[in-house]
């Protein structure tokens, strides 16, 4: 089993250590990713699908059921946080599919 919250924390530490992101970007990513975790943590990981597919299902669910009430610019920012996080997971070989390509904004 994986620990999504620890992966998010590791990703955020990586952002801080890289010095390539503005403080406001870091704060927005942190808020958006923690919200993603909180809103989707009760979604079960089905054993018959890959981890990447599970994360994608969570992303699509939160986009459809939570973020749909936000302004398009806010939705885009939240999607940017998820895409960057998913790319981080792929580069570290924690997921095996480039799922960030499948996320699209409003």
Protein backbone atom coordinates (compact mmCIF):
# COMPACT_ATOMS: atom_id res chain seq x y z
CA UNK A 1 0.00 0.00 0.00
CA UNK A 2 1.14 3.54 -0.58
CA UNK A 3 1.01 6.57 1.67
CA UNK A 4 -0.29 9.48 -0.37
CA UNK A 5 0.12 11.97 2.46
CA UNK A 6 3.83 11.14 2.84
CA UNK A 7 4.32 11.45 -0.91
CA UNK A 8 2.69 14.88 -0.83
CA UNK A 9 4.95 15.91 2.05
CA UNK A 10 8.04 14.66 0.21
CA UNK A 11 6.97 16.54 -2.91
CA UNK A 12 6.51 19.76 -0.93
CA UNK A 13 9.93 19.34 0.72
CA UNK A 14 11.40 18.89 -2.75
CA UNK A 15 9.80 22.15 -3.88
CA UNK A 16 11.27 24.02 -0.92
CA UNK A 17 14.72 22.50 -1.43
CA UNK A 18 14.76 23.17 -5.17
CA UNK A 19 14.44 26.95 -4.81
CA UNK A 20 12.73 27.06 -8.21
CA UNK A 21 9.23 27.85 -6.99
CA UNK A 22 7.96 31.10 -5.54
CA UNK A 23 6.72 31.02 -1.96
CA UNK A 24 3.15 31.72 -3.09
CA UNK A 25 3.31 28.81 -5.51
CA UNK A 26 4.52 26.52 -2.74
CA UNK A 27 1.72 27.69 -0.44
CA UNK A 28 -0.93 27.21 -3.15
CA UNK A 29 0.39 23.74 -4.05
CA UNK A 30 0.43 22.75 -0.38
CA UNK A 31 -3.14 23.92 0.15
CA UNK A 32 -4.39 22.31 -3.06
CA UNK A 33 -2.66 18.97 -2.51
CA UNK A 34 -3.77 18.69 1.11
CA UNK A 35 -7.30 19.45 -0.02
CA UNK A 36 -6.98 16.76 -2.69
CA UNK A 37 -5.82 14.29 -0.04
CA UNK A 38 -8.55 15.20 2.45
CA UNK A 39 -11.36 15.10 -0.10
CA UNK A 40 -10.29 11.76 -1.60
CA UNK A 41 -8.78 9.79 1.28
CA UNK A 42 -11.95 7.76 1.76
CA UNK A 43 -11.90 6.53 -1.83
CA UNK A 44 -10.76 2.91 -1.68
CA UNK A 45 -7.78 1.70 -3.67
CA UNK A 46 -9.20 -1.07 -5.80
CA UNK A 47 -6.82 -4.00 -6.12
CA UNK A 48 -7.62 -4.61 -9.77
CA UNK A 49 -6.36 -1.22 -10.99
CA UNK A 50 -2.91 0.34 -10.91
CA UNK A 51 -1.86 3.00 -8.46
CA UNK A 52 -1.71 5.51 -11.31
CA UNK A 53 -5.27 4.66 -12.33
CA UNK A 54 -6.41 5.04 -8.73
CA UNK A 55 -4.82 8.48 -8.48
CA UNK A 56 -6.40 9.44 -11.78
CA UNK A 57 -9.83 8.35 -10.54
CA UNK A 58 -9.33 10.47 -7.44
CA UNK A 59 -8.25 13.45 -9.52
CA UNK A 60 -11.25 13.18 -11.82
CA UNK A 61 -13.60 12.74 -8.85
CA UNK A 62 -12.31 15.82 -7.01
CA UNK A 63 -12.34 17.85 -10.22
CA UNK A 64 -15.97 16.90 -10.93
CA UNK A 65 -17.37 16.98 -7.39
CA UNK A 66 -15.35 19.58 -5.50
CA UNK A 67 -13.50 21.93 -7.79
CA UNK A 68 -16.34 22.38 -10.30
CA UNK A 69 -17.81 25.17 -8.16
CA UNK A 70 -14.63 27.24 -8.35
CA UNK A 71 -13.66 29.88 -10.86
CA UNK A 72 -11.85 28.49 -13.92
CA UNK A 73 -8.60 30.17 -12.85
CA UNK A 74 -8.75 28.43 -9.45
CA UNK A 75 -9.49 25.11 -11.11
CA UNK A 76 -6.49 25.57 -13.39
CA UNK A 77 -4.21 26.31 -10.44
CA UNK A 78 -5.37 23.20 -8.61
CA UNK A 79 -4.85 21.12 -11.75
CA UNK A 80 -1.35 22.55 -12.12
CA UNK A 81 -0.56 21.40 -8.57
CA UNK A 82 -1.85 17.90 -9.30
CA UNK A 83 -0.05 17.65 -12.63
CA UNK A 84 3.24 18.75 -11.08
CA UNK A 85 2.77 16.30 -8.21
CA UNK A 86 1.94 13.40 -10.55
CA UNK A 87 4.98 14.22 -12.70
CA UNK A 88 7.10 14.15 -9.53
CA UNK A 89 5.72 10.68 -8.70
CA UNK A 90 6.45 9.41 -12.19
CA UNK A 91 10.02 10.74 -12.22
CA UNK A 92 10.65 8.93 -8.93
CA UNK A 93 9.14 5.72 -10.36
CA UNK A 94 6.36 5.68 -7.78
CA UNK A 95 3.77 5.47 -10.54
CA UNK A 96 4.29 3.88 -13.92
CA UNK A 97 1.96 5.89 -16.12
CA UNK A 98 2.12 9.56 -17.17
CA UNK A 99 -1.33 10.39 -15.83
CA UNK A 100 -0.71 14.14 -15.71
CA UNK A 101 -1.33 14.18 -19.48
CA UNK A 102 -4.94 13.20 -18.94
CA UNK A 103 -5.91 16.07 -16.65
CA UNK A 104 -7.57 18.96 -18.45
CA UNK A 105 -8.94 22.22 -17.20
CA UNK A 106 -12.35 23.79 -17.63
